[in-house]
Every structure is written in C-alpha cells, then in structure tokens.
C-alpha cells in the first residue's frame, strides 16, 4: 500500500507534563484514524536502573518516579507540592473545569488514604460532602489526567464468588505519599499504609512494563467474597501469571500461600511471582521471588 504523503499524517504531538484533555480531543477529531497514542507514564524501575542502588526503599517511595523528582535538587515534598498546586490550579480549574477545587483537593487526600483498596464511592461521597456520581466523575477526571488509575478485578467461572469492584492506585507513589502528609523516609517507614504504598509502587511499575511497550496493561487482581486475594494477575498470550506483592524484606512461605492456592484454582497458570523487598530467588515454595527493583518485562513476563 502506498504511504499517504499528506503532511497532516506526519503531525506528531509530544505531550510533556500533565495530560491535556482538550488537546487530545482536538487531535482525535482532526486526525481521526491517523493517530496513535502512547502513554508516557513516570519512570519505571527498569528505566531508572542503577540509579536506585543505595536508595532505601522508603526514600524511593517518598521520592516517587517523576523525572523531575530525580533530575532536580528539590526535596520530594517540595517537588510534589509544586506538582500538585500546578495540577489543581491549571488542569483541574482551567482545563477540566472542576468548580469546587477545595472539595476536589480533599477528595484526592482521602483517595491517597485508600491506595490499594476497593473503590467505595458512597464512603468517599459521605466524607467529602458530595454525591456518589460526583465522586465517580472526579475519579474519571483524575484518571484522565494520569493522577490515578483503577486496577480491574479478574473473575471467572471457577466456583468462587470474586468481587467485581476495582482497586484504586496512584500513577506515582510519591504523590500519594505527599497527599498523606508524609515528608521523611522515617515517617513513611512507620506509616500504617506503608504496605499499601509499596503495593502501589509495584503495581504502577507492572502497568508500565506493558504500557511502555505500547500494549494494554492486561493487569488485574483477584479477590473473593471470603478475603482470598492475589495482588496482581497478568493476562498475556493466553496465559495467566499471578503475582503477590509484599513489603517484607525476608522470605517466608506465608508470603506465597495465596499463589499456591491460585495454582490449585487455575492449574494451568504460568509460574507465579513474588514481588517483595528481599533477596531474589529463582524458585522458592513454587514461586520465583523478585526484588521490587528487578521488575522488568523479562523477569515478570519471561
């Protein structure tokens, strides 16, 4: 097929900084059928590589993965404060036309306290003082501007009642930590949500593995009505790969018990992975163990 030489087909929009919904809408309308979208998420573990060596995990979560948080000399708190203020004052107020910005800010702070948890629209609505449909709209706004994302549940007819409510995560764990009022690694280490922030960091990186390759994330979680849960589940090439995410620094067989249970539930699933903060092992108790800093397409999907 002869290549179309129309100059408009060679128009590229490189979007840096925060997402701009109006510009995206304009591009979609003027170049319908002639554009391709590539989401540029914060840096991944794989992209940072050796730069994370020697950085304690709590400091890593506090700093986050925005390029500016690594390139500039500002403290993580100052960086994320400036990012948040710019987002609220420019994107939320001007581009996205959210009128009640003070309530929206409160909503984001409360949402940070729910990282890695099921989305409860009614609960959030009651605390913020708005309706549940407004909360749903605001979550969509935060998703469209790449502040948060929802991890969908996986469910199948395997004799269990799986939940069908998504989980909420922040695209950058550093912003979530900032919204929780965490300013130092020591404070983060003692925070009751540390495990959820660690899970947020790992899940966001798993999303980047596929997104950076121009693919849909194809990432889910599994939870049944009795509390059984697998933190992440990749669906790729017809296979399912379960992953358990734990902030522990030492291996214990309890860390992989849900992975073993899932293998009994879905015997033909791919080899499970444990993502934690400890030493990597090729195989232990039926799962390959990965340090969170070693996440890559090869280690997770290979």
Protein backbone atom coordinates (compact mmCIF):
# COMPACT_ATOMS: atom_id res chain seq x y z
CA UNK A 1 0.00 0.00 0.00
CA UNK A 2 1.38 3.40 -0.94
CA UNK A 3 2.19 5.59 2.03
CA UNK A 4 -0.04 8.64 2.42
CA UNK A 5 2.11 11.76 1.94
CA UNK A 6 -0.42 14.17 3.38
CA UNK A 7 1.51 16.37 5.76
CA UNK A 8 -1.21 16.14 8.39
CA UNK A 9 -0.50 12.43 8.68
CA UNK A 10 3.02 13.25 9.82
CA UNK A 11 1.84 15.54 12.61
CA UNK A 12 3.15 14.45 15.97
CA UNK A 13 2.03 15.89 19.27
CA UNK A 14 4.56 15.35 22.03
CA UNK A 15 2.80 15.98 25.30
CA UNK A 16 5.01 16.61 28.30
CA UNK A 17 3.99 17.32 31.84
CA UNK A 18 0.39 16.68 32.79
CA UNK A 19 -2.21 15.32 30.44
CA UNK A 20 -4.20 17.89 28.44
CA UNK A 21 -7.67 16.50 27.66
CA UNK A 22 -8.74 19.35 25.37
CA UNK A 23 -5.68 18.97 23.17
CA UNK A 24 -6.23 15.22 22.99
CA UNK A 25 -9.85 15.78 21.96
CA UNK A 26 -8.79 18.22 19.24
CA UNK A 27 -6.19 15.81 17.87
CA UNK A 28 -8.69 12.93 17.90
CA UNK A 29 -11.22 14.96 15.94
CA UNK A 30 -8.84 16.44 13.36
CA UNK A 31 -6.78 13.30 12.76
CA UNK A 32 -9.33 10.55 13.26
CA UNK A 33 -7.92 7.24 12.08
CA UNK A 34 -4.47 8.71 11.51
CA UNK A 35 -3.08 8.94 15.01
CA UNK A 36 -1.54 6.58 17.52
CA UNK A 37 -1.41 7.23 21.24
CA UNK A 38 1.49 6.30 23.50
CA UNK A 39 1.05 6.98 27.17
CA UNK A 40 4.17 8.39 28.81
CA UNK A 41 4.00 7.36 32.46
CA UNK A 42 6.53 8.21 35.18
CA UNK A 43 9.88 6.44 35.07
CA UNK A 44 9.94 2.70 35.67
CA UNK A 45 12.36 0.68 37.80
CA UNK A 46 13.82 -0.65 34.57
CA UNK A 47 14.40 2.87 33.21
CA UNK A 48 16.00 4.12 36.43
CA UNK A 49 18.25 1.08 36.55
CA UNK A 50 21.29 1.50 38.80
CA UNK A 51 20.15 4.95 39.95
CA UNK A 52 18.00 3.28 42.61
CA UNK A 53 21.01 1.39 44.00
CA UNK A 54 21.75 2.54 47.51
CA UNK A 55 18.43 4.40 47.79
CA UNK A 56 16.48 2.94 50.74
CA UNK A 57 13.03 1.69 49.80
CA UNK A 58 11.21 4.20 51.99
CA UNK A 59 13.12 7.05 50.37
CA UNK A 60 12.37 5.57 46.94
CA UNK A 61 8.63 5.58 47.65
CA UNK A 62 8.80 9.09 49.08
CA UNK A 63 10.65 10.45 46.04
CA UNK A 64 8.45 8.71 43.50
CA UNK A 65 9.21 8.27 39.82
CA UNK A 66 8.55 11.60 38.14
CA UNK A 67 11.59 12.61 36.04
CA UNK A 68 11.73 15.99 37.80
CA UNK A 69 11.98 14.29 41.18
CA UNK A 70 15.24 12.69 40.04
CA UNK A 71 16.67 15.46 37.87
CA UNK A 72 16.12 18.46 40.14
CA UNK A 73 17.51 19.36 43.52
CA UNK A 74 14.18 19.95 45.24
CA UNK A 75 13.10 17.77 48.14
CA UNK A 76 10.35 15.22 47.39
CA UNK A 77 7.90 17.26 49.45
CA UNK A 78 8.66 20.50 47.60
CA UNK A 79 8.54 18.79 44.21
CA UNK A 80 5.17 17.14 44.80
CA UNK A 81 3.71 20.24 46.43
CA UNK A 82 4.55 22.25 43.30
CA UNK A 83 3.25 19.48 41.04
CA UNK A 84 0.00 19.25 42.99
CA UNK A 85 -0.58 23.00 43.05
CA UNK A 86 0.03 23.25 39.29
CA UNK A 87 -2.32 20.33 38.66
CA UNK A 88 -5.14 21.76 40.76
CA UNK A 89 -4.78 25.36 39.61
CA UNK A 90 -4.23 24.72 35.91
CA UNK A 91 -5.61 21.34 34.89
CA UNK A 92 -8.45 20.93 37.38
CA UNK A 93 -9.65 24.52 37.46
CA UNK A 94 -8.94 25.63 33.87
CA UNK A 95 -8.84 22.59 31.61
CA UNK A 96 -11.12 20.16 33.43
CA UNK A 97 -13.42 22.86 34.83
CA UNK A 98 -13.92 21.36 38.27
CA UNK A 99 -15.57 24.25 40.11
CA UNK A 100 -15.23 23.16 43.73
CA UNK A 101 -11.46 22.75 43.84
CA UNK A 102 -11.25 22.73 47.67
CA UNK A 103 -13.58 19.72 47.83
CA UNK A 104 -11.64 18.11 44.96
CA UNK A 105 -8.39 18.56 46.91
CA UNK A 106 -9.97 16.94 49.96
CA UNK A 107 -11.14 14.11 47.73
CA UNK A 108 -7.58 13.47 46.47
CA UNK A 109 -6.18 13.48 50.01
CA UNK A 110 -8.80 10.94 51.06
CA UNK A 111 -8.15 8.87 47.94
CA UNK A 112 -4.47 8.66 48.89
CA UNK A 113 -5.56 7.02 52.12
CA UNK A 114 -7.22 4.30 50.07
CA UNK A 115 -4.36 3.20 47.80
CA UNK A 116 -4.60 -0.48 47.03
CA UNK A 117 -8.17 -0.69 48.32
CA UNK A 118 -11.53 -1.25 46.67
CA UNK A 119 -13.22 1.89 45.39
CA UNK A 120 -16.08 2.86 47.70
CA UNK A 121 -17.96 5.72 46.05
CA UNK A 122 -20.56 6.12 48.79
CA UNK A 123 -17.95 6.19 51.55
CA UNK A 124 -15.89 8.86 49.79
CA UNK A 125 -19.00 10.88 48.98
CA UNK A 126 -20.02 10.95 52.64
CA UNK A 127 -16.59 12.16 53.78
CA UNK A 128 -16.18 14.79 51.08
CA UNK A 129 -19.78 16.01 51.28
CA UNK A 130 -20.73 15.47 47.64
CA UNK A 131 -22.77 12.87 45.77
CA UNK A 132 -21.52 9.46 44.69
CA UNK A 133 -21.92 10.38 40.98
CA UNK A 134 -19.69 13.41 41.61
CA UNK A 135 -17.03 11.15 43.16
CA UNK A 136 -17.24 8.87 40.12
CA UNK A 137 -16.81 11.90 37.86
CA UNK A 138 -13.82 13.14 39.87
CA UNK A 139 -12.14 9.74 39.75
CA UNK A 140 -12.60 9.82 35.98
CA UNK A 141 -11.04 13.30 35.95
CA UNK A 142 -8.07 12.09 37.98
CA UNK A 143 -7.72 9.10 35.65
CA UNK A 144 -7.88 11.24 32.52
CA UNK A 145 -5.11 13.45 33.90
CA UNK A 146 -2.96 10.42 34.86
CA UNK A 147 -3.06 11.03 38.61
CA UNK A 148 -4.74 7.73 39.49
CA UNK A 149 -5.76 4.53 37.77
CA UNK A 150 -8.15 1.73 38.60
CA UNK A 151 -6.97 -1.87 38.63
CA UNK A 152 -9.84 -4.04 37.37
CA UNK A 153 -10.79 -7.32 39.05
CA UNK A 154 -10.41 -10.66 37.33
CA UNK A 155 -13.21 -13.14 37.68
CA UNK A 156 -14.07 -16.41 36.03
CA UNK A 157 -16.44 -19.29 36.50
CA UNK A 158 -14.17 -21.39 38.72
CA UNK A 159 -16.52 -21.99 41.60
CA UNK A 160 -15.69 -18.85 43.59
CA UNK A 161 -17.52 -15.57 44.07
CA UNK A 162 -15.00 -12.94 43.03
CA UNK A 163 -15.50 -9.25 43.77
CA UNK A 164 -16.17 -7.05 40.76
CA UNK A 165 -15.13 -3.70 42.22
CA UNK A 166 -11.82 -2.18 41.04
CA UNK A 167 -8.95 -1.06 43.26
CA UNK A 168 -7.54 2.46 43.20
CA UNK A 169 -3.85 3.32 42.78
CA UNK A 170 -1.85 6.48 42.17
CA UNK A 171 0.19 6.69 38.98
CA UNK A 172 3.09 7.96 41.09
CA UNK A 173 3.55 6.67 44.63
CA UNK A 174 5.48 9.80 45.61
CA UNK A 175 2.39 11.94 45.06
CA UNK A 176 0.31 9.55 47.16
CA UNK A 177 2.87 9.80 49.99
CA UNK A 178 2.81 13.60 49.75
CA UNK A 179 -1.01 13.69 49.93
CA UNK A 180 -0.81 11.53 53.06
CA UNK A 181 1.37 14.19 54.69
CA UNK A 182 4.50 12.00 54.71
CA UNK A 183 7.66 14.12 54.50
CA UNK A 184 10.54 11.86 55.58
CA UNK A 185 11.57 8.24 54.97
CA UNK A 186 11.43 7.61 58.72
CA UNK A 187 7.85 8.81 58.82
CA UNK A 188 6.96 6.60 55.85
CA UNK A 189 8.57 3.57 57.49
CA UNK A 190 6.21 3.95 60.45
CA UNK A 191 3.08 4.82 58.49
CA UNK A 192 0.29 2.21 58.72
CA UNK A 193 -0.19 2.50 54.95
CA UNK A 194 3.43 1.62 54.14
CA UNK A 195 2.44 -1.81 52.80
CA UNK A 196 -0.23 -0.26 50.58
CA UNK A 197 2.25 2.33 49.27
CA UNK A 198 4.72 -0.47 48.49
CA UNK A 199 1.97 -2.30 46.62
CA UNK A 200 1.12 0.93 44.78
CA UNK A 201 4.76 1.32 43.72
CA UNK A 202 4.95 -2.26 42.43
CA UNK A 203 1.55 -2.29 40.67
CA UNK A 204 2.29 1.02 38.92
CA UNK A 205 5.58 -0.44 37.70
CA UNK A 206 3.84 -3.56 36.42
CA UNK A 207 1.47 -1.33 34.44
CA UNK A 208 4.49 0.47 32.94
CA UNK A 209 6.00 -2.82 31.71
CA UNK A 210 3.27 -3.21 29.12
CA UNK A 211 2.32 0.43 28.59
CA UNK A 212 5.90 1.39 27.73
CA UNK A 213 5.83 -1.28 25.03
CA UNK A 214 2.68 0.24 23.51
CA UNK A 215 0.43 -2.51 24.87
CA UNK A 216 -2.63 -2.50 27.09
CA UNK A 217 -1.67 -3.28 30.71
CA UNK A 218 -3.73 -6.52 30.82
CA UNK A 219 -3.24 -6.43 34.59
CA UNK A 220 -5.89 -7.42 37.13
CA UNK A 221 -6.27 -8.52 40.75
CA UNK A 222 -8.21 -11.39 42.28
CA UNK A 223 -10.32 -11.31 45.43
CA UNK A 224 -13.20 -13.48 46.53
CA UNK A 225 -16.00 -12.80 48.98
CA UNK A 226 -14.14 -14.56 51.80
CA UNK A 227 -10.98 -12.46 51.61
CA UNK A 228 -8.75 -14.65 49.44
CA UNK A 229 -6.69 -12.36 47.24
CA UNK A 230 -3.89 -12.30 44.67
CA UNK A 231 -2.48 -8.80 44.32
CA UNK A 232 -1.83 -8.83 40.57
CA UNK A 233 -2.61 -11.08 37.64
CA UNK A 234 -1.13 -10.64 34.17
CA UNK A 235 -3.08 -11.93 31.18
CA UNK A 236 -0.70 -12.31 28.25
CA UNK A 237 -0.55 -14.59 25.23
CA UNK A 238 -3.40 -16.70 26.56
CA UNK A 239 -1.59 -17.26 29.87
CA UNK A 240 -2.30 -16.03 33.37
CA UNK A 241 0.59 -15.14 35.69
CA UNK A 242 -0.29 -14.47 39.35
CA UNK A 243 1.89 -12.12 41.41
CA UNK A 244 1.87 -11.48 45.12
CA UNK A 245 3.26 -8.13 46.34
CA UNK A 246 4.64 -7.84 49.87
CA UNK A 247 6.79 -5.17 51.51
CA UNK A 248 8.63 -7.81 53.57
CA UNK A 249 12.44 -7.94 53.41
CA UNK A 250 12.81 -11.63 54.27
CA UNK A 251 11.19 -14.65 52.63
CA UNK A 252 8.53 -16.64 54.41
CA UNK A 253 6.31 -19.35 52.98
CA UNK A 254 3.25 -17.41 54.16
CA UNK A 255 4.11 -14.79 51.52
CA UNK A 256 3.26 -17.23 48.72
CA UNK A 257 0.35 -19.17 50.21
CA UNK A 258 -2.21 -17.29 48.09
CA UNK A 259 -0.15 -18.00 44.98
CA UNK A 260 -0.24 -21.71 45.82
CA UNK A 261 -4.00 -21.51 46.34
CA UNK A 262 -4.44 -19.80 42.98
CA UNK A 263 -2.42 -22.53 41.24
CA UNK A 264 -4.86 -25.08 42.65
CA UNK A 265 -7.73 -22.95 41.39
CA UNK A 266 -6.18 -22.43 37.93
CA UNK A 267 -3.70 -25.32 37.48
CA UNK A 268 -2.53 -24.23 34.01
CA UNK A 269 -1.50 -20.71 35.07
CA UNK A 270 2.07 -19.56 34.43
CA UNK A 271 4.72 -19.78 37.16
CA UNK A 272 3.82 -17.35 39.97
CA UNK A 273 6.00 -14.44 41.04
CA UNK A 274 6.55 -12.97 44.49
CA UNK A 275 7.49 -9.29 44.34
CA UNK A 276 8.95 -8.14 47.65
CA UNK A 277 11.79 -6.13 49.19
CA UNK A 278 14.09 -9.06 49.81
CA UNK A 279 16.63 -11.27 48.09
CA UNK A 280 15.71 -12.72 44.66
CA UNK A 281 15.43 -16.49 44.27
CA UNK A 282 14.91 -18.49 41.03
CA UNK A 283 12.26 -20.59 42.77
CA UNK A 284 11.05 -20.96 46.33
CA UNK A 285 7.90 -22.70 47.53
CA UNK A 286 6.63 -22.86 43.96
CA UNK A 287 7.21 -19.20 43.05
CA UNK A 288 10.01 -17.14 41.60
CA UNK A 289 10.99 -14.37 44.02
CA UNK A 290 11.82 -10.91 42.64
CA UNK A 291 13.08 -7.85 44.42
CA UNK A 292 10.84 -4.92 43.53
CA UNK A 293 13.81 -3.14 41.90
CA UNK A 294 14.30 -6.03 39.47
CA UNK A 295 10.93 -5.66 37.75
CA UNK A 296 11.28 -5.88 34.00
CA UNK A 297 9.37 -7.38 31.09
CA UNK A 298 11.81 -10.30 31.08
CA UNK A 299 11.63 -11.04 34.82
CA UNK A 300 7.84 -10.73 35.04
CA UNK A 301 6.58 -11.92 31.66
CA UNK A 302 9.51 -14.06 30.55
